[in-house]
């Protein structure tokens, strides 16, 4: 139970950071906003990229 609670707290902190970053970008009212479509599934096939990307959960940023 303690491990699950810690995982939930980490996920909440990460989600909050993503929301704050997205809000900061939107508040500046940029004239152009570009979202890059990456082949993340292919990137995870590369072992070194997978190790770098997995903790970042880059897909959560797009979901915001």
C-alpha atoms as a PDB file:
ATOM      1  CA  UNK A   1       0.000   0.000   0.000  1.00  0.00           C
ATOM      2  CA  UNK A   2       2.824   2.426   0.829  1.00  0.00           C
ATOM      3  CA  UNK A   3       4.491   1.877  -2.542  1.00  0.00           C
ATOM      4  CA  UNK A   4       1.232   2.509  -4.404  1.00  0.00           C
ATOM      5  CA  UNK A   5       0.706   5.723  -2.453  1.00  0.00           C
ATOM      6  CA  UNK A   6       4.236   6.903  -3.291  1.00  0.00           C
ATOM      7  CA  UNK A   7       3.695   6.125  -6.982  1.00  0.00           C
ATOM      8  CA  UNK A   8       0.472   8.116  -6.896  1.00  0.00           C
ATOM      9  CA  UNK A   9       2.216  11.076  -5.246  1.00  0.00           C
ATOM     10  CA  UNK A  10       4.999  11.051  -7.835  1.00  0.00           C
ATOM     11  CA  UNK A  11       2.428  10.898 -10.646  1.00  0.00           C
ATOM     12  CA  UNK A  12       0.524  13.816  -9.120  1.00  0.00           C
ATOM     13  CA  UNK A  13       3.677  15.920  -8.782  1.00  0.00           C
ATOM     14  CA  UNK A  14       4.654  15.146 -12.371  1.00  0.00           C
ATOM     15  CA  UNK A  15       1.155  15.988 -13.652  1.00  0.00           C
ATOM     16  CA  UNK A  16       1.153  19.237 -11.671  1.00  0.00           C
ATOM     17  CA  UNK A  17       4.537  20.241 -13.127  1.00  0.00           C
ATOM     18  CA  UNK A  18       3.299  19.551 -16.657  1.00  0.00           C
ATOM     19  CA  UNK A  19       0.149  21.581 -16.051  1.00  0.00           C
ATOM     20  CA  UNK A  20       2.151  24.500 -14.654  1.00  0.00           C
ATOM     21  CA  UNK A  21       4.565  24.423 -17.605  1.00  0.00           C
ATOM     22  CA  UNK A  22       1.703  24.350 -20.103  1.00  0.00           C
ATOM     23  CA  UNK A  23      -0.093  27.162 -18.276  1.00  0.00           C
ATOM     24  CA  UNK A  24       3.092  29.280 -18.297  1.00  0.00           C
ATOM     25  CA  UNK A  25       3.387  28.855 -22.065  1.00  0.00           C
ATOM     26  CA  UNK A  26      -0.272  29.692 -22.656  1.00  0.00           C
ATOM     27  CA  UNK A  27      -0.161  32.738 -20.363  1.00  0.00           C
ATOM     28  CA  UNK A  28       2.576  34.274 -22.507  1.00  0.00           C
ATOM     29  CA  UNK A  29       0.155  34.144 -25.464  1.00  0.00           C
ATOM     30  CA  UNK A  30       2.649  33.099 -28.137  1.00  0.00           C
ATOM     31  CA  UNK A  31       1.788  33.982 -31.723  1.00  0.00           C
ATOM     32  CA  UNK A  32       2.760  30.471 -32.860  1.00  0.00           C
ATOM     33  CA  UNK A  33       2.584  27.227 -30.902  1.00  0.00           C
ATOM     34  CA  UNK A  34       4.214  24.169 -32.455  1.00  0.00           C
ATOM     35  CA  UNK A  35       3.750  20.593 -31.284  1.00  0.00           C
ATOM     36  CA  UNK A  36       6.149  18.073 -32.729  1.00  0.00           C
ATOM     37  CA  UNK A  37       4.774  14.650 -33.565  1.00  0.00           C
ATOM     38  CA  UNK A  38       7.481  12.201 -32.515  1.00  0.00           C
ATOM     39  CA  UNK A  39       7.639   8.496 -33.206  1.00  0.00           C
ATOM     40  CA  UNK A  40       7.864   7.684 -29.512  1.00  0.00           C
ATOM     41  CA  UNK A  41       7.083   4.016 -30.053  1.00  0.00           C
ATOM     42  CA  UNK A  42      10.081   3.756 -32.364  1.00  0.00           C
ATOM     43  CA  UNK A  43      12.229   5.720 -29.930  1.00  0.00           C
ATOM     44  CA  UNK A  44      11.496   3.197 -27.203  1.00  0.00           C
ATOM     45  CA  UNK A  45      12.973   0.458 -29.401  1.00  0.00           C
ATOM     46  CA  UNK A  46      16.337   2.175 -28.999  1.00  0.00           C
ATOM     47  CA  UNK A  47      17.559   1.073 -25.592  1.00  0.00           C
ATOM     48  CA  UNK A  48      19.408   4.271 -24.696  1.00  0.00           C
ATOM     49  CA  UNK A  49      16.563   6.533 -25.743  1.00  0.00           C
ATOM     50  CA  UNK A  50      14.118   4.355 -23.840  1.00  0.00           C
ATOM     51  CA  UNK A  51      16.100   4.796 -20.638  1.00  0.00           C
ATOM     52  CA  UNK A  52      16.151   8.558 -21.115  1.00  0.00           C
ATOM     53  CA  UNK A  53      12.492   8.928 -22.112  1.00  0.00           C
ATOM     54  CA  UNK A  54      10.779   6.525 -19.735  1.00  0.00           C
ATOM     55  CA  UNK A  55      11.105   8.648 -16.579  1.00  0.00           C
ATOM     56  CA  UNK A  56      10.077  11.803 -18.396  1.00  0.00           C
ATOM     57  CA  UNK A  57       6.758  10.466 -19.604  1.00  0.00           C
ATOM     58  CA  UNK A  58       6.882  12.825 -22.551  1.00  0.00           C
ATOM     59  CA  UNK A  59       3.446  11.780 -23.690  1.00  0.00           C
ATOM     60  CA  UNK A  60       1.828  13.398 -20.639  1.00  0.00           C
ATOM     61  CA  UNK A  61       2.799  16.861 -21.834  1.00  0.00           C
ATOM     62  CA  UNK A  62       0.690  16.494 -24.973  1.00  0.00           C
ATOM     63  CA  UNK A  63      -2.277  15.295 -22.935  1.00  0.00           C
ATOM     64  CA  UNK A  64      -2.330  18.569 -20.972  1.00  0.00           C
END
